[in-house]
């Protein structure tokens, strides 16, 4: 079951038990993410190791294969990704 931070806060106000696992899950749902331009998977920015810089902007990847595909032809992956959010 996924719990957003609002659910965790509401449970705490109502006196229901809020476990540390609930707090941790709610915190991870608000982590900053970027979309892997190759496969469309959301990648958490914090601690990301697979990145490339193209035209001064950093891009994040879920796997070495996605990064290599992007690096071969970054212009191909610049269209149709604007406005997407996790």
N, C-alpha and C. Protein backbone atom coordinates (compact mmCIF):
# COMPACT_ATOMS: atom_id res chain seq x y z
N UNK A 1 0.84 -1.18 0.00
CA UNK A 1 0.00 0.00 0.00
C UNK A 1 0.88 1.23 0.00
N UNK A 2 0.62 2.17 -0.88
CA UNK A 2 1.41 3.39 -0.93
C UNK A 2 0.72 4.47 -0.12
N UNK A 3 1.52 5.17 0.67
CA UNK A 3 0.99 6.24 1.49
C UNK A 3 1.73 7.52 1.17
N UNK A 4 1.03 8.54 0.80
CA UNK A 4 1.65 9.83 0.57
C UNK A 4 1.89 10.52 1.89
N UNK A 5 2.65 11.60 1.88
CA UNK A 5 2.94 12.32 3.11
C UNK A 5 1.68 12.87 3.76
N UNK A 6 0.65 13.20 2.97
CA UNK A 6 -0.60 13.69 3.54
C UNK A 6 -1.28 12.58 4.34
N UNK A 7 -1.23 11.35 3.85
CA UNK A 7 -1.83 10.22 4.56
C UNK A 7 -1.10 9.97 5.86
N UNK A 8 0.22 10.01 5.83
CA UNK A 8 1.00 9.81 7.06
C UNK A 8 0.66 10.88 8.08
N UNK A 9 0.58 12.13 7.64
CA UNK A 9 0.24 13.23 8.56
C UNK A 9 -1.16 13.08 9.11
N UNK A 10 -2.12 12.68 8.30
CA UNK A 10 -3.51 12.50 8.73
C UNK A 10 -3.59 11.38 9.77
N UNK A 11 -2.89 10.28 9.54
CA UNK A 11 -2.91 9.18 10.51
C UNK A 11 -2.33 9.63 11.85
N UNK A 12 -1.28 10.41 11.80
CA UNK A 12 -0.67 10.88 13.04
C UNK A 12 -1.63 11.77 13.82
N UNK A 13 -2.35 12.64 13.12
CA UNK A 13 -3.31 13.53 13.79
C UNK A 13 -4.49 12.76 14.38
N UNK A 14 -4.87 11.66 13.74
CA UNK A 14 -6.02 10.88 14.19
C UNK A 14 -5.64 9.88 15.28
N UNK A 15 -4.38 9.81 15.63
CA UNK A 15 -3.94 8.90 16.68
C UNK A 15 -3.65 7.49 16.19
N UNK A 16 -3.75 7.24 14.89
CA UNK A 16 -3.41 5.92 14.36
C UNK A 16 -1.89 5.76 14.38
N UNK A 17 -1.43 4.53 14.53
CA UNK A 17 0.02 4.34 14.55
C UNK A 17 0.64 4.64 13.18
N UNK A 18 1.72 5.40 13.20
CA UNK A 18 2.47 5.70 11.99
C UNK A 18 3.83 5.06 12.17
N UNK A 19 4.11 4.08 11.36
CA UNK A 19 5.37 3.36 11.50
C UNK A 19 6.49 4.09 10.77
N UNK A 20 7.72 3.75 11.12
CA UNK A 20 8.86 4.36 10.43
C UNK A 20 8.86 3.96 8.96
N UNK A 21 8.35 2.76 8.65
CA UNK A 21 8.27 2.34 7.25
C UNK A 21 7.33 3.24 6.48
N UNK A 22 6.22 3.65 7.09
CA UNK A 22 5.28 4.56 6.43
C UNK A 22 5.95 5.90 6.16
N UNK A 23 6.69 6.40 7.15
CA UNK A 23 7.38 7.68 6.97
C UNK A 23 8.42 7.59 5.86
N UNK A 24 9.17 6.48 5.85
CA UNK A 24 10.21 6.29 4.85
C UNK A 24 9.59 6.22 3.45
N UNK A 25 8.49 5.47 3.30
CA UNK A 25 7.84 5.33 2.00
C UNK A 25 7.30 6.68 1.53
N UNK A 26 6.70 7.43 2.42
CA UNK A 26 6.17 8.74 2.05
C UNK A 26 7.31 9.66 1.62
N UNK A 27 8.46 9.58 2.28
CA UNK A 27 9.60 10.42 1.93
C UNK A 27 10.17 10.08 0.58
N UNK A 28 10.19 8.80 0.23
CA UNK A 28 10.76 8.42 -1.07
C UNK A 28 9.84 8.82 -2.21
N UNK A 29 8.55 8.96 -1.95
CA UNK A 29 7.63 9.33 -3.01
C UNK A 29 7.78 10.80 -3.39
N UNK A 30 8.41 11.58 -2.52
CA UNK A 30 8.58 12.99 -2.83
C UNK A 30 10.00 13.30 -3.30
N UNK A 31 10.83 12.26 -3.45
CA UNK A 31 12.20 12.47 -3.91
C UNK A 31 12.20 13.01 -5.34
N UNK A 32 13.19 13.83 -5.65
CA UNK A 32 13.30 14.41 -6.99
C UNK A 32 13.71 13.33 -7.98
N UNK A 33 12.97 13.27 -9.09
CA UNK A 33 13.24 12.26 -10.11
C UNK A 33 13.27 12.92 -11.47
N UNK A 34 14.00 12.28 -12.37
CA UNK A 34 14.05 12.70 -13.77
C UNK A 34 13.77 11.47 -14.62
N UNK A 35 13.21 11.70 -15.80
CA UNK A 35 12.89 10.59 -16.68
C UNK A 35 14.11 10.18 -17.51
N UNK A 36 14.35 8.88 -17.55
CA UNK A 36 15.35 8.33 -18.46
C UNK A 36 14.80 8.56 -19.86
N UNK A 37 15.47 9.36 -20.65
CA UNK A 37 14.98 9.75 -21.98
C UNK A 37 14.92 8.59 -22.96
N UNK A 38 15.62 7.50 -22.67
CA UNK A 38 15.66 6.38 -23.60
C UNK A 38 14.47 5.44 -23.37
N UNK A 39 14.24 5.03 -22.13
CA UNK A 39 13.20 4.02 -21.87
C UNK A 39 11.97 4.58 -21.17
N UNK A 40 12.07 5.81 -20.64
CA UNK A 40 10.92 6.42 -19.98
C UNK A 40 10.80 6.12 -18.49
N UNK A 41 11.72 5.37 -17.93
CA UNK A 41 11.68 5.04 -16.51
C UNK A 41 12.09 6.26 -15.68
N UNK A 42 11.47 6.42 -14.49
CA UNK A 42 11.83 7.53 -13.61
C UNK A 42 13.04 7.14 -12.78
N UNK A 43 14.04 8.01 -12.73
CA UNK A 43 15.30 7.75 -12.04
C UNK A 43 15.45 8.77 -10.92
N UNK A 44 15.72 8.29 -9.72
CA UNK A 44 15.93 9.18 -8.58
C UNK A 44 17.28 9.88 -8.74
N UNK A 45 17.27 11.19 -8.63
CA UNK A 45 18.47 11.99 -8.85
C UNK A 45 19.51 11.78 -7.75
N UNK A 46 19.06 11.72 -6.52
CA UNK A 46 19.96 11.58 -5.39
C UNK A 46 20.76 10.28 -5.51
N UNK A 47 22.04 10.39 -5.64
CA UNK A 47 22.92 9.22 -5.74
C UNK A 47 23.00 8.59 -7.12
N UNK A 48 22.40 9.21 -8.11
CA UNK A 48 22.42 8.65 -9.47
C UNK A 48 23.86 8.58 -9.98
N UNK A 49 24.22 7.46 -10.55
CA UNK A 49 25.58 7.27 -11.05
C UNK A 49 25.66 7.30 -12.56
N UNK A 50 24.56 7.02 -13.23
CA UNK A 50 24.57 6.96 -14.69
C UNK A 50 23.98 8.25 -15.24
N UNK A 51 24.86 9.18 -15.60
CA UNK A 51 24.42 10.47 -16.12
C UNK A 51 25.26 10.85 -17.33
N UNK A 52 24.71 11.74 -18.13
CA UNK A 52 25.43 12.33 -19.25
C UNK A 52 25.07 13.82 -19.29
N UNK A 53 25.97 14.61 -19.82
CA UNK A 53 25.69 16.03 -20.00
C UNK A 53 25.66 16.31 -21.49
N UNK A 54 24.57 16.96 -21.92
CA UNK A 54 24.41 17.31 -23.33
C UNK A 54 23.88 18.72 -23.41
N UNK A 55 24.59 19.57 -24.13
CA UNK A 55 24.24 21.00 -24.27
C UNK A 55 24.02 21.65 -22.91
N UNK A 56 24.88 21.31 -21.95
CA UNK A 56 24.85 21.93 -20.63
C UNK A 56 23.79 21.40 -19.68
N UNK A 57 23.03 20.40 -20.08
CA UNK A 57 21.99 19.83 -19.22
C UNK A 57 22.35 18.39 -18.88
N UNK A 58 22.11 18.02 -17.62
CA UNK A 58 22.42 16.67 -17.16
C UNK A 58 21.21 15.76 -17.38
N UNK A 59 21.47 14.55 -17.89
CA UNK A 59 20.45 13.54 -18.12
C UNK A 59 20.76 12.31 -17.27
N UNK A 60 19.72 11.64 -16.78
CA UNK A 60 19.85 10.52 -15.86
C UNK A 60 19.34 9.24 -16.52
N UNK A 61 20.00 8.10 -16.21
CA UNK A 61 19.66 6.84 -16.85
C UNK A 61 19.53 5.72 -15.84
N UNK A 62 18.64 4.77 -16.18
CA UNK A 62 18.39 3.63 -15.30
C UNK A 62 19.42 2.52 -15.49
N UNK A 63 20.07 2.49 -16.65
CA UNK A 63 21.02 1.41 -16.94
C UNK A 63 22.14 1.91 -17.85
N UNK A 64 23.21 1.16 -17.88
CA UNK A 64 24.34 1.49 -18.74
C UNK A 64 23.92 1.46 -20.21
N UNK A 65 23.05 0.52 -20.56
CA UNK A 65 22.58 0.40 -21.93
C UNK A 65 21.83 1.65 -22.39
N UNK A 66 20.96 2.19 -21.52
CA UNK A 66 20.23 3.41 -21.87
C UNK A 66 21.19 4.58 -22.02
N UNK A 67 22.16 4.68 -21.12
CA UNK A 67 23.15 5.76 -21.20
C UNK A 67 23.94 5.69 -22.51
N UNK A 68 24.39 4.50 -22.88
CA UNK A 68 25.17 4.34 -24.11
C UNK A 68 24.34 4.68 -25.35
N UNK A 69 23.08 4.28 -25.34
CA UNK A 69 22.21 4.58 -26.48
C UNK A 69 22.02 6.09 -26.62
N UNK A 70 21.82 6.78 -25.49
CA UNK A 70 21.67 8.24 -25.49
C UNK A 70 22.95 8.89 -25.99
N UNK A 71 24.10 8.45 -25.48
CA UNK A 71 25.38 9.04 -25.83
C UNK A 71 25.70 8.92 -27.33
N UNK A 72 25.22 7.86 -27.97
CA UNK A 72 25.45 7.68 -29.41
C UNK A 72 24.68 8.70 -30.25
N UNK A 73 23.48 9.09 -29.79
CA UNK A 73 22.65 10.02 -30.57
C UNK A 73 21.72 10.82 -29.65
N UNK A 74 22.27 11.74 -28.85
CA UNK A 74 21.46 12.47 -27.88
C UNK A 74 20.34 13.30 -28.50
N UNK A 75 20.54 13.80 -29.70
CA UNK A 75 19.52 14.64 -30.33
C UNK A 75 18.22 13.85 -30.56
N UNK A 76 18.35 12.57 -30.81
CA UNK A 76 17.17 11.71 -31.03
C UNK A 76 16.23 11.69 -29.82
N UNK A 77 16.78 11.87 -28.62
CA UNK A 77 16.00 11.76 -27.39
C UNK A 77 15.60 13.12 -26.81
N UNK A 78 15.63 14.15 -27.63
CA UNK A 78 15.28 15.49 -27.15
C UNK A 78 13.81 15.86 -27.41
N UNK A 79 13.09 15.05 -28.15
CA UNK A 79 11.72 15.41 -28.50
C UNK A 79 10.70 14.60 -27.72
N UNK A 80 9.55 15.19 -27.49
CA UNK A 80 8.38 14.57 -26.86
C UNK A 80 8.57 14.19 -25.40
N UNK A 81 9.44 14.86 -24.66
CA UNK A 81 9.58 14.58 -23.24
C UNK A 81 9.23 15.78 -22.38
N UNK A 82 8.93 16.91 -22.97
CA UNK A 82 8.64 18.12 -22.22
C UNK A 82 7.35 17.93 -21.43
N UNK A 83 7.36 18.43 -20.21
CA UNK A 83 6.15 18.43 -19.39
C UNK A 83 5.81 17.12 -18.70
N UNK A 84 6.66 16.12 -18.76
CA UNK A 84 6.38 14.86 -18.07
C UNK A 84 6.90 14.92 -16.66
N UNK A 85 6.08 14.46 -15.73
CA UNK A 85 6.43 14.50 -14.32
C UNK A 85 6.13 13.15 -13.68
N UNK A 86 6.95 12.76 -12.67
CA UNK A 86 6.69 11.46 -11.99
C UNK A 86 5.39 11.48 -11.22
